[in-house]
Amino acid sequence: MAKILYVEDNPQNMRLVRKILNAAGYDVLEAPNGISGITMATNELPDLILMDVNLPDINGLEAASRLKASSVSWIPIIALTANAMHGDRENCLAAGCDGYLAKPVMKNELLNTVALFLKQSAAAHQHQ
């Protein structure tokens, strides 16, 4: 079963995404801010990280860029954000995120994106 880390400070968003992912058979780890997200990613080695951009300590883009510069740089990161303005997607990708989903996220869009990145990640590991 794939392990997904969700870095999110909003309890309602956390509950909704956890419910969708658990129902699809994923194991969900939760971090309420960027610093704990970085620590948890390093300790737990999830298969995928969902990263909120607006976090209370360091923002999700800073957390993503630190993760991509660390020993866990291979873990795909999908930005999950209410920032859906022109240029936000580019900013997320430039910071090191591998994908981008705008909130409110639709269930099928979330599950399809997660499945796609997990498949790509697994394929990349086989070729190493």
C-alpha atoms as a PDB file:
ATOM      1  CA  MET A   1       0.000   0.000   0.000  1.00  0.00           C
ATOM      2  CA  ALA A   2       1.371   3.399  -0.979  1.00  0.00           C
ATOM      3  CA  LYS A   3       2.167   5.851   1.802  1.00  0.00           C
ATOM      4  CA  ILE A   4       1.204   9.483   1.153  1.00  0.00           C
ATOM      5  CA  LEU A   5       2.272  12.421   3.297  1.00  0.00           C
ATOM      6  CA  TYR A   6      -0.171  15.353   3.317  1.00  0.00           C
ATOM      7  CA  VAL A   7       1.253  18.632   4.618  1.00  0.00           C
ATOM      8  CA  GLU A   8      -1.778  20.797   5.433  1.00  0.00           C
ATOM      9  CA  ASP A   9      -2.703  23.200   8.257  1.00  0.00           C
ATOM     10  CA  ASN A  10      -6.468  23.251   7.615  1.00  0.00           C
ATOM     11  CA  PRO A  11      -8.246  20.419   9.507  1.00  0.00           C
ATOM     12  CA  GLN A  12     -11.230  20.339   7.086  1.00  0.00           C
ATOM     13  CA  ASN A  13      -8.978  19.979   4.036  1.00  0.00           C
ATOM     14  CA  MET A  14      -6.937  17.343   5.868  1.00  0.00           C
ATOM     15  CA  ARG A  15     -10.057  15.357   6.777  1.00  0.00           C
ATOM     16  CA  LEU A  16     -11.482  15.495   3.241  1.00  0.00           C
ATOM     17  CA  VAL A  17      -8.273  14.405   1.506  1.00  0.00           C
ATOM     18  CA  ARG A  18      -7.563  11.715   4.142  1.00  0.00           C
ATOM     19  CA  LYS A  19     -11.064  10.293   3.622  1.00  0.00           C
ATOM     20  CA  ILE A  20     -10.658  10.166  -0.175  1.00  0.00           C
ATOM     21  CA  LEU A  21      -7.184   8.607  -0.012  1.00  0.00           C
ATOM     22  CA  ASN A  22      -8.040   6.104   2.748  1.00  0.00           C
ATOM     23  CA  ALA A  23     -11.119   4.960   0.798  1.00  0.00           C
ATOM     24  CA  ALA A  24      -8.849   4.345  -2.208  1.00  0.00           C
ATOM     25  CA  GLY A  25      -6.542   2.180  -0.061  1.00  0.00           C
ATOM     26  CA  TYR A  26      -3.715   4.632   0.610  1.00  0.00           C
ATOM     27  CA  ASP A  27      -1.959   5.045   3.943  1.00  0.00           C
ATOM     28  CA  VAL A  28      -2.025   8.766   4.866  1.00  0.00           C
ATOM     29  CA  LEU A  29       0.556  10.510   7.058  1.00  0.00           C
ATOM     30  CA  GLU A  30      -0.277  14.023   8.232  1.00  0.00           C
ATOM     31  CA  ALA A  31       1.896  17.037   8.998  1.00  0.00           C
ATOM     32  CA  PRO A  32       0.360  20.387  10.099  1.00  0.00           C
ATOM     33  CA  ASN A  33       3.197  22.621   8.841  1.00  0.00           C
ATOM     34  CA  GLY A  34       6.238  22.772   6.564  1.00  0.00           C
ATOM     35  CA  ILE A  35       8.944  21.990   9.122  1.00  0.00           C
ATOM     36  CA  SER A  36       7.147  18.907  10.490  1.00  0.00           C
ATOM     37  CA  GLY A  37       6.412  17.893   6.883  1.00  0.00           C
ATOM     38  CA  ILE A  38      10.118  17.954   6.023  1.00  0.00           C
ATOM     39  CA  THR A  39      10.972  15.964   9.167  1.00  0.00           C
ATOM     40  CA  MET A  40       8.233  13.415   8.538  1.00  0.00           C
ATOM     41  CA  ALA A  41       9.209  12.994   4.868  1.00  0.00           C
ATOM     42  CA  THR A  42      12.821  12.326   5.872  1.00  0.00           C
ATOM     43  CA  ASN A  43      11.885   9.868   8.646  1.00  0.00           C
ATOM     44  CA  GLU A  44       8.925   8.060   7.062  1.00  0.00           C
ATOM     45  CA  LEU A  45       9.974   8.070   3.361  1.00  0.00           C
ATOM     46  CA  PRO A  46       6.466   8.336   1.890  1.00  0.00           C
ATOM     47  CA  ASP A  47       5.850   7.346  -1.744  1.00  0.00           C
ATOM     48  CA  LEU A  48       4.313  10.748  -2.481  1.00  0.00           C
ATOM     49  CA  ILE A  49       3.871  14.141  -0.800  1.00  0.00           C
ATOM     50  CA  LEU A  50       0.829  16.400  -1.139  1.00  0.00           C
ATOM     51  CA  MET A  51       1.946  19.900  -0.145  1.00  0.00           C
ATOM     52  CA  ASP A  52      -0.310  22.810   0.768  1.00  0.00           C
ATOM     53  CA  VAL A  53       1.342  26.079  -0.279  1.00  0.00           C
ATOM     54  CA  ASN A  54       0.014  28.423   2.422  1.00  0.00           C
ATOM     55  CA  LEU A  55       1.408  27.004   5.653  1.00  0.00           C
ATOM     56  CA  PRO A  56       1.867  28.750   9.033  1.00  0.00           C
ATOM     57  CA  ASP A  57       5.652  28.432   9.364  1.00  0.00           C
ATOM     58  CA  ILE A  58       7.537  28.138   6.073  1.00  0.00           C
ATOM     59  CA  ASN A  59       5.387  28.024   2.960  1.00  0.00           C
ATOM     60  CA  GLY A  60       4.947  24.857   0.940  1.00  0.00           C
ATOM     61  CA  LEU A  61       7.190  26.074  -1.861  1.00  0.00           C
ATOM     62  CA  GLU A  62      10.078  26.574   0.573  1.00  0.00           C
ATOM     63  CA  ALA A  63       9.393  23.136   2.096  1.00  0.00           C
ATOM     64  CA  ALA A  64       9.320  21.556  -1.385  1.00  0.00           C
ATOM     65  CA  SER A  65      12.570  23.216  -2.373  1.00  0.00           C
ATOM     66  CA  ARG A  66      14.271  22.011   0.854  1.00  0.00           C
ATOM     67  CA  LEU A  67      13.007  18.462   0.255  1.00  0.00           C
ATOM     68  CA  LYS A  68      14.251  18.482  -3.353  1.00  0.00           C
ATOM     69  CA  ALA A  69      17.686  19.561  -2.080  1.00  0.00           C
ATOM     70  CA  SER A  70      17.788  16.714   0.473  1.00  0.00           C
ATOM     71  CA  SER A  71      18.281  12.946   0.597  1.00  0.00           C
ATOM     72  CA  VAL A  72      14.578  12.423  -0.224  1.00  0.00           C
ATOM     73  CA  SER A  73      14.634  14.424  -3.485  1.00  0.00           C
ATOM     74  CA  TRP A  74      13.224  11.379  -5.358  1.00  0.00           C
ATOM     75  CA  ILE A  75       9.820  11.612  -3.617  1.00  0.00           C
ATOM     76  CA  PRO A  76       7.285  13.268  -5.945  1.00  0.00           C
ATOM     77  CA  ILE A  77       5.637  16.394  -4.513  1.00  0.00           C
ATOM     78  CA  ILE A  78       2.239  17.624  -5.667  1.00  0.00           C
ATOM     79  CA  ALA A  79       1.309  21.161  -4.673  1.00  0.00           C
ATOM     80  CA  LEU A  80      -2.286  21.333  -3.471  1.00  0.00           C
ATOM     81  CA  THR A  81      -3.266  24.960  -3.269  1.00  0.00           C
ATOM     82  CA  ALA A  82      -6.014  27.527  -3.368  1.00  0.00           C
ATOM     83  CA  ASN A  83      -3.541  29.749  -5.241  1.00  0.00           C
ATOM     84  CA  ALA A  84      -4.970  29.178  -8.704  1.00  0.00           C
ATOM     85  CA  MET A  85      -3.960  32.466 -10.259  1.00  0.00           C
ATOM     86  CA  HIS A  86      -1.989  32.776 -13.492  1.00  0.00           C
ATOM     87  CA  GLY A  87       1.640  31.893 -12.737  1.00  0.00           C
ATOM     88  CA  ASP A  88       0.974  29.914  -9.537  1.00  0.00           C
ATOM     89  CA  ARG A  89       1.412  26.559 -11.270  1.00  0.00           C
ATOM     90  CA  GLU A  90       4.758  27.744 -12.705  1.00  0.00           C
ATOM     91  CA  ASN A  91       5.882  28.979  -9.261  1.00  0.00           C
ATOM     92  CA  CYS A  92       5.067  25.582  -7.723  1.00  0.00           C
ATOM     93  CA  LEU A  93       6.940  23.687 -10.426  1.00  0.00           C
ATOM     94  CA  ALA A  94       9.907  26.083 -10.228  1.00  0.00           C
ATOM     95  CA  ALA A  95      10.140  25.440  -6.468  1.00  0.00           C
ATOM     96  CA  GLY A  96      10.542  21.723  -7.112  1.00  0.00           C
ATOM     97  CA  CYS A  97       6.972  20.431  -7.045  1.00  0.00           C
ATOM     98  CA  ASP A  98       6.361  17.700  -9.601  1.00  0.00           C
ATOM     99  CA  GLY A  99       2.656  18.414  -9.975  1.00  0.00           C
ATOM    100  CA  TYR A 100      -0.037  20.929  -9.121  1.00  0.00           C
ATOM    101  CA  LEU A 101      -3.685  20.650  -8.077  1.00  0.00           C
ATOM    102  CA  ALA A 102      -5.954  23.615  -7.375  1.00  0.00           C
ATOM    103  CA  LYS A 103      -8.309  23.581  -4.376  1.00  0.00           C
ATOM    104  CA  PRO A 104     -11.062  22.756  -3.916  1.00  0.00           C
ATOM    105  CA  VAL A 105      -9.764  19.503  -5.354  1.00  0.00           C
ATOM    106  CA  MET A 106     -12.162  17.090  -7.014  1.00  0.00           C
ATOM    107  CA  LYS A 107     -12.041  13.475  -5.835  1.00  0.00           C
ATOM    108  CA  ASN A 108     -11.357  11.941  -9.274  1.00  0.00           C
ATOM    109  CA  GLU A 109      -8.751  14.557 -10.141  1.00  0.00           C
ATOM    110  CA  LEU A 110      -6.942  13.891  -6.845  1.00  0.00           C
ATOM    111  CA  LEU A 111      -7.015  10.095  -7.235  1.00  0.00           C
ATOM    112  CA  ASN A 112      -5.966  10.198 -10.906  1.00  0.00           C
ATOM    113  CA  THR A 113      -3.073  12.560 -10.191  1.00  0.00           C
ATOM    114  CA  VAL A 114      -1.883  10.522  -7.186  1.00  0.00           C
ATOM    115  CA  ALA A 115      -2.049   7.264  -9.194  1.00  0.00           C
ATOM    116  CA  LEU A 116      -0.155   8.831 -12.113  1.00  0.00           C
ATOM    117  CA  PHE A 117       2.694  10.135  -9.945  1.00  0.00           C
ATOM    118  CA  LEU A 118       2.961   6.885  -7.959  1.00  0.00           C
ATOM    119  CA  LYS A 119       3.243   4.931 -11.206  1.00  0.00           C
ATOM    120  CA  GLN A 120       5.924   7.290 -12.576  1.00  0.00           C
ATOM    121  CA  SER A 121       7.816   7.142  -9.282  1.00  0.00           C
ATOM    122  CA  ALA A 122       7.741   3.322  -9.212  1.00  0.00           C
ATOM    123  CA  ALA A 123       8.954   3.177 -12.830  1.00  0.00           C
ATOM    124  CA  ALA A 124      11.827   5.571 -12.044  1.00  0.00           C
ATOM    125  CA  HIS A 125      12.901   3.396  -9.078  1.00  0.00           C
ATOM    126  CA  GLN A 126      13.041   0.270 -11.246  1.00  0.00           C
ATOM    127  CA  HIS A 127      15.492   1.960 -13.613  1.00  0.00           C
ATOM    128  CA  GLN A 128      17.927   3.004 -10.884  1.00  0.00           C
END
